[in-house]
Amino acid sequence: MGTRGRGRLADRPSDAVPDDPAGARGPGATGPEAATPIRGRADRRRTARRAARRRKRSLLHEIPLIVLVALLVALVMKTFMVQVFVIPSGSMEQTIQIGDRVLVDKLTPWFGTEPGRGDVVVFKDPGGWLEADHKPSTDGPVLRGAKQVLTFVGLLPSDSEQDLIKRVIGVGGDTVECCDEQGRLSVNGTAVDEPYLSPGNPPSRQPFKVKVPQGRLWVMGDHRDVSADSRFHMGNPGQGTIPLSGVVGQAFVVAWPVGRVHQLDAPGSLSSLARSADVRGTGPEAMDVGPLPKEPPLVMGVLGILPLIGRRPGRPRE
């Protein structure tokens, strides 16, 4: 009886532990509430400031890692996958205009894919196509070193790159000739329709005929009147053709400005031609070379970053 009575009395509301609102329990208080001290507004502010300082320190530690990863990604993209080039001249108008940024596929050549007729390619100067015009740098050692790092990963244009951009007209074994009685260019005896030519431009104002050696390409600009292409270098080593080994990649899209975004497809009039069975190749038979148009080099960038930050990336030479 006594035990059950005590149990009933302890359950009564009058015997329950009273609430302690607003931290009224004193230092001698017992029970669960005594184990959790009441935090005032000042304590909460101090805790929030400490948390903010920890976040700032964590961010400062992470920034170098983020920058390093970004530079590595940019370097890999530039070296093996996709590179951005800015067009400095009008030799590919109207297909590609001055200031356009084109994306160049550098990945597929690693798997043995070779450019075909009609493809737009970026390639290294095979020798004598571009004139060196380097101005001495006025940058200090620190700024010069920083620029060299950014240039190496492709985020700034390079002063030493000698790249050009043209359209492939003939591949190894092809006989390219201009012009027939209707003023058209022909490949392996088949007249070629060239809808990409800049308005008012004939296929060529200088007659020529050349058989392209194996492993080389005959390239021409779409703006024939201002393009210093294969026609103007037939006296150079390679007789105006460029080696496949010098091809940087295939330009596949104009990515900037937004209003000019379009793919760079090979026209069917060129891509559908059968490859010549004779791949020995010979030099040019004849050509009347006029004044040599000036060719600036292409400017190089990576992933379209430079247009977004207002700096002009390097351009390939046309």
Protein backbone atom coordinates (compact mmCIF):
# COMPACT_ATOMS: atom_id res chain seq x y z
CA MET A 1 0.00 0.00 0.00
CA GLY A 2 2.67 2.47 0.99
CA THR A 3 4.66 1.83 -2.15
CA ARG A 4 1.67 2.18 -4.45
CA GLY A 5 0.57 5.31 -2.66
CA ARG A 6 3.93 6.91 -3.06
CA GLY A 7 3.86 6.08 -6.73
CA ARG A 8 0.47 7.72 -7.13
CA LEU A 9 1.55 10.83 -5.28
CA ALA A 10 4.67 11.25 -7.49
CA ASP A 11 2.47 11.23 -10.60
CA ARG A 12 0.38 14.09 -9.41
CA PRO A 13 0.91 17.44 -11.17
CA SER A 14 1.71 19.12 -7.90
CA ASP A 15 4.76 16.83 -7.42
CA ALA A 16 6.19 17.20 -10.99
CA VAL A 17 9.34 19.22 -11.58
CA PRO A 18 8.21 22.76 -12.40
CA ASP A 19 9.25 24.54 -15.57
CA ASP A 20 12.14 26.95 -15.33
CA PRO A 21 11.35 29.65 -17.93
CA ALA A 22 13.92 32.25 -18.92
CA GLY A 23 16.74 30.44 -17.10
CA ALA A 24 15.25 31.00 -13.61
CA ARG A 25 16.91 27.93 -12.15
CA GLY A 26 19.83 28.85 -10.03
CA PRO A 27 23.35 27.45 -9.85
CA GLY A 28 22.23 24.70 -7.51
CA ALA A 29 19.55 23.41 -9.85
CA THR A 30 19.43 19.73 -10.64
CA GLY A 31 17.90 17.68 -13.42
CA PRO A 32 18.33 17.59 -17.23
CA GLU A 33 18.03 21.36 -17.61
CA ALA A 34 21.01 21.92 -15.34
CA ALA A 35 23.32 20.01 -17.78
CA THR A 36 22.57 22.40 -20.70
CA PRO A 37 23.58 25.97 -19.92
CA ILE A 38 21.41 28.69 -21.36
CA ARG A 39 23.23 30.61 -24.19
CA GLY A 40 22.62 34.27 -24.49
CA ARG A 41 22.59 36.44 -27.63
CA ALA A 42 26.23 37.47 -27.19
CA ASP A 43 27.34 33.82 -27.08
CA ARG A 44 25.45 33.07 -30.29
CA ARG A 45 27.07 36.03 -32.04
CA ARG A 46 30.53 34.90 -30.98
CA THR A 47 29.84 31.37 -32.22
CA ALA A 48 28.60 32.69 -35.57
CA ARG A 49 31.75 34.82 -35.97
CA ARG A 50 33.98 31.84 -35.22
CA ALA A 51 32.10 29.73 -37.79
CA ALA A 52 32.47 32.48 -40.41
CA ARG A 53 36.24 32.70 -39.76
CA ARG A 54 36.56 28.93 -40.16
CA ARG A 55 34.71 29.08 -43.49
CA LYS A 56 37.01 31.85 -44.74
CA ARG A 57 40.11 29.91 -43.76
CA SER A 58 38.74 26.80 -45.46
CA LEU A 59 38.04 28.79 -48.66
CA LEU A 60 41.54 30.27 -48.64
CA HIS A 61 42.97 26.78 -48.41
CA GLU A 62 40.76 25.53 -51.25
CA ILE A 63 41.39 28.38 -53.74
CA PRO A 64 44.92 27.25 -54.74
CA LEU A 65 43.63 23.71 -55.32
CA ILE A 66 40.72 25.01 -57.42
CA VAL A 67 43.07 27.16 -59.51
CA LEU A 68 45.48 24.24 -60.02
CA VAL A 69 42.68 21.90 -61.12
CA ALA A 70 41.30 24.55 -63.51
CA LEU A 71 44.73 25.05 -65.09
CA LEU A 72 45.22 21.30 -65.50
CA VAL A 73 41.79 20.94 -67.11
CA ALA A 74 42.54 23.84 -69.47
CA LEU A 75 45.91 22.32 -70.39
CA VAL A 76 44.40 18.91 -71.11
CA MET A 77 41.59 20.45 -73.17
CA LYS A 78 44.01 22.59 -75.17
CA THR A 79 46.47 19.76 -75.79
CA PHE A 80 44.22 16.83 -76.55
CA MET A 81 40.60 17.82 -77.09
CA VAL A 82 39.21 21.21 -78.14
CA GLN A 83 40.94 24.54 -78.66
CA VAL A 84 39.53 27.97 -79.42
CA PHE A 85 41.04 30.15 -82.14
CA VAL A 86 40.19 33.73 -83.02
CA ILE A 87 40.17 34.72 -86.68
CA PRO A 88 42.38 37.76 -87.40
CA SER A 89 41.80 38.27 -91.14
CA GLY A 90 39.21 37.92 -93.86
CA SER A 91 40.75 35.07 -95.85
CA MET A 92 37.89 32.71 -94.90
CA GLU A 93 35.02 35.15 -95.39
CA GLN A 94 32.10 34.81 -95.58
CA THR A 95 32.20 31.40 -93.92
CA ILE A 96 34.31 32.72 -91.04
CA GLN A 97 34.61 36.44 -90.39
CA ILE A 98 37.20 38.57 -88.66
CA GLY A 99 36.84 38.25 -84.88
CA ASP A 100 34.93 34.96 -85.00
CA ARG A 101 35.97 32.30 -82.51
CA VAL A 102 36.08 28.78 -83.86
CA LEU A 103 36.30 25.50 -81.98
CA VAL A 104 38.93 23.11 -83.30
CA ASP A 105 38.71 19.37 -82.74
CA LYS A 106 42.17 18.12 -81.74
CA LEU A 107 41.02 14.73 -80.46
CA THR A 108 40.05 12.75 -83.57
CA PRO A 109 43.48 13.13 -85.27
CA TRP A 110 44.94 11.14 -82.36
CA PHE A 111 42.86 8.20 -83.60
CA GLY A 112 44.13 8.44 -87.17
CA THR A 113 41.31 10.51 -88.68
CA GLU A 114 42.60 12.53 -91.63
CA PRO A 115 41.05 15.72 -93.02
CA GLY A 116 38.92 15.29 -96.11
CA ARG A 117 38.06 17.57 -98.99
CA GLY A 118 35.94 20.49 -97.86
CA ASP A 119 37.02 20.36 -94.22
CA VAL A 120 38.23 23.57 -92.59
CA VAL A 121 41.52 22.91 -90.84
CA VAL A 122 43.98 24.77 -88.63
CA PHE A 123 47.60 23.94 -89.39
CA LYS A 124 51.13 25.00 -88.54
CA ASP A 125 53.02 27.21 -90.93
CA PRO A 126 54.82 24.69 -93.19
CA GLY A 127 57.54 27.26 -93.80
CA GLY A 128 57.52 30.68 -95.40
CA TRP A 129 53.76 31.29 -95.23
CA LEU A 130 53.97 33.72 -92.33
CA GLU A 131 56.41 36.48 -91.61
CA ALA A 132 57.77 36.73 -88.09
CA ASP A 133 56.83 40.06 -86.56
CA HIS A 134 57.61 39.84 -82.86
CA LYS A 135 57.85 42.97 -80.76
CA PRO A 136 60.12 43.00 -77.70
CA SER A 137 58.24 42.51 -74.44
CA THR A 138 58.08 45.39 -71.96
CA ASP A 139 56.68 43.24 -69.14
CA GLY A 140 58.58 42.79 -65.89
CA PRO A 141 59.88 39.34 -64.86
CA VAL A 142 56.85 38.55 -62.64
CA LEU A 143 54.24 39.55 -65.19
CA ARG A 144 56.18 37.87 -67.99
CA GLY A 145 56.36 34.63 -65.98
CA ALA A 146 52.62 34.72 -65.22
CA LYS A 147 51.84 35.27 -68.90
CA GLN A 148 54.07 32.37 -69.88
CA VAL A 149 52.17 30.04 -67.54
CA LEU A 150 48.77 31.19 -68.86
CA THR A 151 50.02 30.90 -72.43
CA PHE A 152 51.30 27.39 -71.78
CA VAL A 153 47.86 26.20 -70.62
CA GLY A 154 46.14 28.11 -73.42
CA LEU A 155 44.40 30.90 -71.49
CA LEU A 156 46.40 33.64 -73.22
CA PRO A 157 47.48 33.95 -76.86
CA SER A 158 50.97 32.88 -77.78
CA ASP A 159 53.43 35.16 -79.52
CA SER A 160 55.28 32.19 -81.00
CA GLU A 161 52.41 30.11 -82.44
CA GLN A 162 52.29 30.18 -86.23
CA ASP A 163 48.87 28.76 -87.10
CA LEU A 164 46.70 29.29 -90.18
CA ILE A 165 43.18 28.28 -91.16
CA LYS A 166 42.06 27.16 -94.63
CA ARG A 167 39.72 24.78 -96.44
CA VAL A 168 41.01 21.48 -97.79
CA ILE A 169 40.50 21.32 -101.57
CA GLY A 170 42.72 18.36 -102.50
CA VAL A 171 44.14 15.35 -100.65
CA GLY A 172 47.00 13.00 -101.55
CA GLY A 173 46.73 11.83 -105.18
CA ASP A 174 44.23 14.51 -106.25
CA THR A 175 44.80 16.70 -109.30
CA VAL A 176 43.53 20.20 -108.58
CA GLU A 177 43.20 22.60 -111.50
CA CYS A 178 41.79 26.02 -112.19
CA CYS A 179 40.14 27.11 -114.20
CA ASP A 180 38.01 25.37 -116.86
CA GLU A 181 36.18 27.11 -119.71
CA GLN A 182 33.39 28.10 -117.32
CA GLY A 183 35.90 29.49 -114.83
CA ARG A 184 35.39 26.65 -112.33
CA LEU A 185 37.90 24.81 -110.18
CA SER A 186 38.15 21.06 -110.80
CA VAL A 187 39.38 18.11 -108.75
CA ASN A 188 40.39 14.98 -110.66
CA GLY A 189 38.71 16.40 -113.75
CA THR A 190 35.35 17.06 -112.02
CA ALA A 191 34.19 20.66 -111.81
CA VAL A 192 33.43 21.69 -108.24
CA ASP A 193 30.55 23.88 -107.11
CA GLU A 194 31.87 26.25 -104.40
CA PRO A 195 28.94 27.92 -102.61
CA TYR A 196 31.23 28.98 -99.75
CA LEU A 197 33.22 31.47 -101.86
CA SER A 198 33.09 35.09 -100.78
CA PRO A 199 30.69 37.06 -103.02
CA GLY A 200 32.41 38.48 -106.09
CA ASN A 201 35.39 36.11 -105.86
CA PRO A 202 36.21 33.75 -108.74
CA PRO A 203 37.68 30.34 -107.82
CA SER A 204 41.12 31.74 -108.69
CA ARG A 205 42.48 34.67 -110.67
CA GLN A 206 45.74 32.74 -111.25
CA PRO A 207 45.63 29.55 -113.32
CA PHE A 208 47.31 26.50 -111.83
CA LYS A 209 47.39 22.73 -111.99
CA VAL A 210 48.92 20.53 -109.31
CA LYS A 211 48.93 16.90 -108.28
CA VAL A 212 48.94 16.60 -104.52
CA PRO A 213 51.62 14.26 -103.11
CA GLN A 214 50.63 11.50 -100.71
CA GLY A 215 50.50 12.62 -97.07
CA ARG A 216 49.89 16.26 -98.01
CA LEU A 217 46.94 18.62 -98.57
CA TRP A 218 46.12 21.42 -100.98
CA VAL A 219 44.34 24.21 -99.06
CA MET A 220 42.63 27.44 -100.11
CA GLY A 221 40.79 30.25 -98.38
CA ASP A 222 37.13 30.99 -99.10
CA HIS A 223 37.96 34.64 -99.81
CA ARG A 224 40.24 33.81 -102.72
CA ASP A 225 41.20 37.39 -103.56
CA VAL A 226 42.85 37.99 -100.17
CA SER A 227 43.94 34.49 -99.14
CA ALA A 228 47.67 33.68 -99.31
CA ASP A 229 46.98 29.97 -99.63
CA SER A 230 48.58 27.04 -101.47
CA ARG A 231 48.47 28.90 -104.79
CA PHE A 232 50.94 31.52 -103.58
CA HIS A 233 53.48 29.07 -102.16
CA MET A 234 54.03 26.67 -105.02
CA GLY A 235 57.68 27.73 -105.13
CA ASN A 236 58.19 26.76 -101.48
CA PRO A 237 59.18 23.31 -100.21
CA GLY A 238 56.10 21.13 -100.63
CA GLN A 239 55.10 23.14 -103.73
CA GLY A 240 52.21 24.82 -101.96
CA THR A 241 50.91 21.73 -100.19
CA ILE A 242 50.97 21.24 -96.42
CA PRO A 243 51.88 18.01 -94.55
CA LEU A 244 49.22 16.06 -92.70
CA SER A 245 51.56 16.06 -89.71
CA GLY A 246 51.22 19.86 -89.49
CA VAL A 247 47.44 19.81 -89.10
CA VAL A 248 46.44 20.98 -85.60
CA GLY A 249 42.81 19.93 -85.95
CA GLN A 250 39.55 20.42 -87.78
CA ALA A 251 37.46 23.54 -87.15
CA PHE A 252 33.92 22.29 -86.65
CA VAL A 253 31.87 25.22 -85.37
CA VAL A 254 31.87 29.01 -85.13
CA ALA A 255 31.13 29.46 -81.41
CA TRP A 256 31.23 33.25 -81.03
CA PRO A 257 29.62 35.73 -81.46
CA VAL A 258 26.28 34.18 -80.54
CA GLY A 259 24.55 35.59 -83.60
CA ARG A 260 26.97 33.75 -85.90
CA VAL A 261 27.05 30.32 -84.27
CA HIS A 262 26.99 27.65 -86.98
CA GLN A 263 28.62 24.38 -87.94
CA LEU A 264 31.45 24.22 -90.45
CA ASP A 265 30.32 21.35 -92.64
CA ALA A 266 32.16 20.09 -95.71
CA PRO A 267 30.17 20.85 -98.90
CA GLY A 268 28.93 17.78 -100.73
CA SER A 269 30.46 18.97 -103.99
CA LEU A 270 33.91 18.26 -102.48
CA SER A 271 33.30 15.56 -99.87
CA SER A 272 31.45 13.29 -102.32
CA LEU A 273 34.31 13.12 -104.84
CA ALA A 274 36.01 9.76 -105.18
CA ARG A 275 39.65 9.54 -104.10
CA SER A 276 42.16 9.26 -106.92
CA ALA A 277 43.74 5.84 -107.40
CA ASP A 278 47.13 7.38 -108.25
CA VAL A 279 48.67 8.77 -105.08
CA ARG A 280 52.21 9.47 -106.27
CA GLY A 281 51.69 13.18 -106.74
CA THR A 282 53.65 15.69 -108.77
CA GLY A 283 54.46 19.35 -108.57
CA PRO A 284 52.66 22.25 -110.25
CA GLU A 285 52.62 22.45 -114.03
CA ALA A 286 52.21 26.20 -114.28
CA MET A 287 51.14 29.22 -112.35
CA ASP A 288 51.12 32.97 -112.76
CA VAL A 289 51.55 34.25 -109.20
CA GLY A 290 50.31 37.75 -108.43
CA PRO A 291 51.09 39.91 -105.39
CA LEU A 292 51.20 37.85 -102.21
CA PRO A 293 48.40 38.80 -99.75
CA LYS A 294 49.53 39.29 -96.19
CA GLU A 295 48.59 36.49 -93.79
CA PRO A 296 48.33 37.16 -90.04
CA PRO A 297 48.58 34.21 -87.62
CA LEU A 298 45.59 32.82 -85.78
CA VAL A 299 45.14 33.79 -82.16
CA MET A 300 44.76 30.98 -79.66
CA GLY A 301 42.57 30.68 -76.56
CA VAL A 302 40.81 27.94 -74.58
CA LEU A 303 37.13 27.06 -74.08
CA GLY A 304 35.81 30.54 -74.86
CA ILE A 305 37.03 31.93 -71.53
CA LEU A 306 38.69 34.99 -72.98
CA PRO A 307 35.60 36.40 -74.74
CA LEU A 308 33.78 36.30 -71.42
CA ILE A 309 36.40 38.32 -69.54
CA GLY A 310 36.79 40.89 -72.28
CA ARG A 311 40.32 40.00 -73.41
CA ARG A 312 41.08 39.10 -76.96
CA PRO A 313 42.64 35.64 -77.32
CA GLY A 314 45.28 34.70 -79.84
CA ARG A 315 44.26 34.19 -83.40
CA PRO A 316 45.29 31.62 -85.99
CA ARG A 317 46.81 33.04 -89.11
CA GLU A 318 44.76 32.80 -92.18
